[in-house]
């Protein structure tokens, strides 16, 4: 007897992986940019630390609230669509059966076979079949607001802590440069790791994240230098 063929898919990671990558990336970029910008204005280490800690707390709370609200909106839309589909199944099951069969025909099945598949799936769980194949909603990719909010907040805090630790151990004369370089290295590693976790090419993701991080820090440093000179 041949052993069962086991497949390993990463689709189940989509919800928390997206929130974690977004939170960590935003934590590193925003906090490092704040520190570099304040450093460019010739501020002291204590001022940079206060700004960085405030950015960590505010950013983590903002990420949690933003992710929760946005994913909750997605979940509300999904639930409304499922409720509408439940009502249509109760009021016009024959139309819904033909609609489901038409979906399978469009995917390549013969009409007779598509009808048989639709009949069997609706007999098993009509709402699940229509939610999955008509609406594109399944247990794997459905919205989870609490998970997204907590993951974003935690990953933001971890990401933001990296520039802060670098600030504390950097030589006073080169804080901006050390924080910027260290943060870009962290962003590169984050991009590569998140890409590998999702099964995507690592190099392209790493370069993309590093580019936008460098741009954010460069613009913030320019603004800090401009306002520092003005003051």
Protein backbone atom coordinates (compact mmCIF):
# COMPACT_ATOMS: atom_id res chain seq x y z
CA UNK A 1 0.00 0.00 0.00
CA UNK A 2 1.44 3.33 -1.06
CA UNK A 3 1.67 6.04 1.61
CA UNK A 4 -0.70 9.00 1.30
CA UNK A 5 0.65 11.98 -0.60
CA UNK A 6 1.06 14.83 1.85
CA UNK A 7 1.00 18.41 0.60
CA UNK A 8 2.03 21.46 2.55
CA UNK A 9 0.28 24.70 1.65
CA UNK A 10 0.81 28.17 3.09
CA UNK A 11 -2.62 29.64 2.36
CA UNK A 12 -3.72 29.25 5.97
CA UNK A 13 -1.03 31.75 6.97
CA UNK A 14 -2.41 34.59 4.88
CA UNK A 15 -4.34 36.36 7.64
CA UNK A 16 -1.77 36.50 10.42
CA UNK A 17 1.27 36.60 8.10
CA UNK A 18 0.05 39.73 6.32
CA UNK A 19 -0.70 41.45 9.64
CA UNK A 20 2.63 40.40 11.16
CA UNK A 21 4.73 41.52 8.21
CA UNK A 22 2.86 44.81 7.93
CA UNK A 23 3.20 45.50 11.65
CA UNK A 24 6.90 44.64 11.91
CA UNK A 25 7.78 46.54 8.74
CA UNK A 26 5.84 49.60 9.88
CA UNK A 27 7.38 49.40 13.35
CA UNK A 28 10.93 49.38 12.01
CA UNK A 29 10.38 51.99 9.31
CA UNK A 30 8.36 54.50 11.31
CA UNK A 31 10.45 54.32 14.50
CA UNK A 32 13.79 54.36 12.67
CA UNK A 33 12.58 57.27 10.54
CA UNK A 34 11.52 59.20 13.64
CA UNK A 35 14.90 58.63 15.29
CA UNK A 36 16.86 59.52 12.15
CA UNK A 37 14.73 62.62 11.58
CA UNK A 38 15.13 63.84 15.16
CA UNK A 39 18.85 63.06 15.05
CA UNK A 40 19.19 65.14 11.88
CA UNK A 41 17.74 68.11 13.78
CA UNK A 42 20.71 67.89 16.19
CA UNK A 43 18.58 66.69 19.12
CA UNK A 44 20.07 64.74 22.01
CA UNK A 45 19.81 61.02 22.73
CA UNK A 46 17.13 61.56 25.41
CA UNK A 47 14.89 63.45 22.97
CA UNK A 48 15.34 60.72 20.37
CA UNK A 49 14.49 58.06 22.94
CA UNK A 50 11.32 59.87 24.04
CA UNK A 51 10.19 60.26 20.43
CA UNK A 52 10.98 56.62 19.67
CA UNK A 53 9.11 55.24 22.70
CA UNK A 54 6.13 57.49 22.00
CA UNK A 55 6.17 56.30 18.39
CA UNK A 56 6.24 52.66 19.53
CA UNK A 57 3.24 53.03 21.84
CA UNK A 58 1.19 55.17 19.49
CA UNK A 59 2.05 53.04 16.48
CA UNK A 60 1.20 49.75 18.17
CA UNK A 61 -2.18 51.07 19.30
CA UNK A 62 -2.85 52.56 15.89
CA UNK A 63 -1.97 49.32 14.12
CA UNK A 64 -4.20 47.31 16.46
CA UNK A 65 -7.14 49.66 16.01
CA UNK A 66 -6.64 50.06 12.26
CA UNK A 67 -6.32 46.34 11.57
CA UNK A 68 -9.25 45.47 13.81
CA UNK A 69 -11.54 48.05 12.21
CA UNK A 70 -10.55 47.24 8.63
CA UNK A 71 -10.73 43.46 9.05
CA UNK A 72 -14.01 43.83 10.98
CA UNK A 73 -15.42 45.67 7.96
CA UNK A 74 -14.33 42.78 5.78
CA UNK A 75 -15.90 40.29 8.19
CA UNK A 76 -19.16 42.28 8.23
CA UNK A 77 -19.27 42.21 4.44
CA UNK A 78 -18.61 38.46 4.38
CA UNK A 79 -21.33 37.80 6.95
CA UNK A 80 -23.81 39.96 5.03
CA UNK A 81 -23.07 38.08 1.80
CA UNK A 82 -23.45 34.71 3.55
CA UNK A 83 -26.74 35.81 5.12
CA UNK A 84 -28.02 36.93 1.72
CA UNK A 85 -26.96 33.62 0.21
CA UNK A 86 -28.74 31.72 3.01
CA UNK A 87 -31.95 33.57 2.22
CA UNK A 88 -31.64 32.89 -1.51
CA UNK A 89 -31.07 29.19 -0.86
CA UNK A 90 -34.24 29.09 1.21
CA UNK A 91 -36.39 31.05 -1.26
CA UNK A 92 -35.06 29.88 -4.65
CA UNK A 93 -33.01 26.68 -4.28
CA UNK A 94 -33.41 25.62 -7.92
CA UNK A 95 -31.96 28.88 -9.23
CA UNK A 96 -29.07 28.57 -6.78
CA UNK A 97 -28.45 24.99 -7.89
CA UNK A 98 -28.24 26.05 -11.54
CA UNK A 99 -26.00 28.96 -10.56
CA UNK A 100 -23.60 26.63 -8.76
CA UNK A 101 -23.59 24.19 -11.67
CA UNK A 102 -22.80 27.05 -14.06
CA UNK A 103 -19.78 27.94 -11.93
CA UNK A 104 -18.43 24.40 -12.31
CA UNK A 105 -19.09 24.45 -16.06
CA UNK A 106 -17.07 27.66 -16.30
CA UNK A 107 -14.25 25.87 -14.50
CA UNK A 108 -14.17 23.08 -17.06
CA UNK A 109 -16.71 20.43 -16.08
CA UNK A 110 -19.22 18.98 -18.50
CA UNK A 111 -22.77 20.31 -17.86
CA UNK A 112 -24.10 16.94 -16.75
CA UNK A 113 -21.21 16.35 -14.35
CA UNK A 114 -21.39 19.94 -13.10
CA UNK A 115 -25.05 19.44 -12.25
CA UNK A 116 -24.28 16.22 -10.40
CA UNK A 117 -21.49 17.88 -8.43
CA UNK A 118 -23.76 20.81 -7.55
CA UNK A 119 -26.50 18.45 -6.41
CA UNK A 120 -24.18 16.41 -4.20
CA UNK A 121 -22.45 19.41 -2.64
CA UNK A 122 -25.75 21.14 -1.93
CA UNK A 123 -27.12 17.98 -0.40
CA UNK A 124 -24.08 17.87 1.90
CA UNK A 125 -23.93 21.59 2.82
CA UNK A 126 -25.52 24.02 0.39
CA UNK A 127 -24.45 27.17 2.23
CA UNK A 128 -20.83 26.07 2.50
CA UNK A 129 -20.72 25.16 -1.20
CA UNK A 130 -22.10 28.52 -2.30
CA UNK A 131 -19.99 30.48 0.20
CA UNK A 132 -16.82 28.81 -1.04
CA UNK A 133 -17.44 28.56 -4.80
CA UNK A 134 -19.73 31.52 -5.46
CA UNK A 135 -18.57 34.06 -2.86
CA UNK A 136 -14.97 32.89 -2.43
CA UNK A 137 -15.32 32.71 1.35
CA UNK A 138 -13.78 29.78 3.23
CA UNK A 139 -12.54 29.01 6.72
CA UNK A 140 -8.91 29.43 5.63
CA UNK A 141 -9.15 32.95 4.24
CA UNK A 142 -12.07 34.37 6.22
CA UNK A 143 -11.50 37.59 8.12
CA UNK A 144 -10.38 37.37 11.77
CA UNK A 145 -10.37 40.91 13.25
CA UNK A 146 -9.03 40.09 16.73
CA UNK A 147 -6.19 37.96 15.37
CA UNK A 148 -5.23 40.66 12.86
CA UNK A 149 -5.33 43.44 15.46
CA UNK A 150 -3.28 41.63 18.10
CA UNK A 151 -0.77 40.34 15.57
CA UNK A 152 -0.25 43.80 14.09
CA UNK A 153 0.20 45.45 17.48
CA UNK A 154 2.65 42.84 18.75
CA UNK A 155 4.71 42.75 15.56
CA UNK A 156 4.80 46.56 15.41
CA UNK A 157 6.13 46.72 18.97
CA UNK A 158 8.82 44.13 18.19
CA UNK A 159 9.80 45.93 15.02
CA UNK A 160 9.88 49.33 16.72
CA UNK A 161 12.01 47.98 19.56
CA UNK A 162 14.88 47.20 17.18
CA UNK A 163 15.73 50.85 16.32
CA UNK A 164 15.28 51.80 19.98
CA UNK A 165 17.78 49.19 21.15
CA UNK A 166 20.16 50.33 18.43
CA UNK A 167 19.75 53.93 19.61
CA UNK A 168 20.72 52.99 23.16
CA UNK A 169 23.94 51.20 22.15
CA UNK A 170 25.03 53.50 19.31
CA UNK A 171 27.91 55.96 19.71
CA UNK A 172 26.49 59.48 20.23
CA UNK A 173 28.34 60.81 17.18
CA UNK A 174 26.83 58.33 14.73
CA UNK A 175 23.35 57.51 16.01
CA UNK A 176 21.56 58.32 12.77
CA UNK A 177 23.90 56.29 10.59
CA UNK A 178 23.93 53.23 12.87
CA UNK A 179 20.15 53.24 13.32
CA UNK A 180 19.59 53.64 9.58
CA UNK A 181 21.99 50.87 8.55
CA UNK A 182 20.79 48.47 11.26
CA UNK A 183 17.16 49.12 10.40
CA UNK A 184 17.78 48.53 6.70
CA UNK A 185 19.46 45.23 7.50
CA UNK A 186 16.50 44.22 9.68
CA UNK A 187 14.08 45.21 6.93
CA UNK A 188 16.01 43.16 4.39
CA UNK A 189 15.95 40.11 6.64
CA UNK A 190 12.25 40.67 7.39
CA UNK A 191 11.41 40.86 3.71
CA UNK A 192 13.33 37.68 2.92
CA UNK A 193 11.91 35.71 5.86
CA UNK A 194 8.32 36.76 5.21
CA UNK A 195 8.69 35.89 1.54
CA UNK A 196 10.05 32.45 2.37
CA UNK A 197 7.28 31.89 4.90
CA UNK A 198 4.75 32.65 2.20
CA UNK A 199 6.56 30.65 -0.49
CA UNK A 200 7.52 33.73 -2.57
CA UNK A 201 10.94 34.73 -4.00
CA UNK A 202 13.03 36.11 -1.14
CA UNK A 203 15.40 38.47 -2.98
CA UNK A 204 12.75 40.59 -4.65
CA UNK A 205 10.78 40.97 -1.41
CA UNK A 206 13.91 41.90 0.55
CA UNK A 207 14.95 44.55 -1.96
CA UNK A 208 11.44 45.98 -2.12
CA UNK A 209 11.18 46.38 1.65
CA UNK A 210 14.69 47.82 1.95
CA UNK A 211 14.07 50.36 -0.81
CA UNK A 212 10.94 51.80 0.74
CA UNK A 213 12.52 51.81 4.19
CA UNK A 214 15.54 53.73 2.89
CA UNK A 215 13.27 56.20 1.12
CA UNK A 216 11.21 56.82 4.26
CA UNK A 217 14.29 57.39 6.42
CA UNK A 218 15.91 59.62 3.79
CA UNK A 219 12.86 61.86 3.47
CA UNK A 220 12.43 62.07 7.25
CA UNK A 221 16.10 62.92 7.72
CA UNK A 222 15.80 65.70 5.15
CA UNK A 223 12.77 67.13 6.95
CA UNK A 224 14.55 66.92 10.31
CA UNK A 225 17.60 68.65 8.89
CA UNK A 226 15.48 71.39 7.35
CA UNK A 227 13.50 72.15 10.49
CA UNK A 228 16.55 71.74 12.72
CA UNK A 229 18.37 74.37 10.69
CA UNK A 230 15.32 76.63 10.77
CA UNK A 231 15.09 76.42 14.55
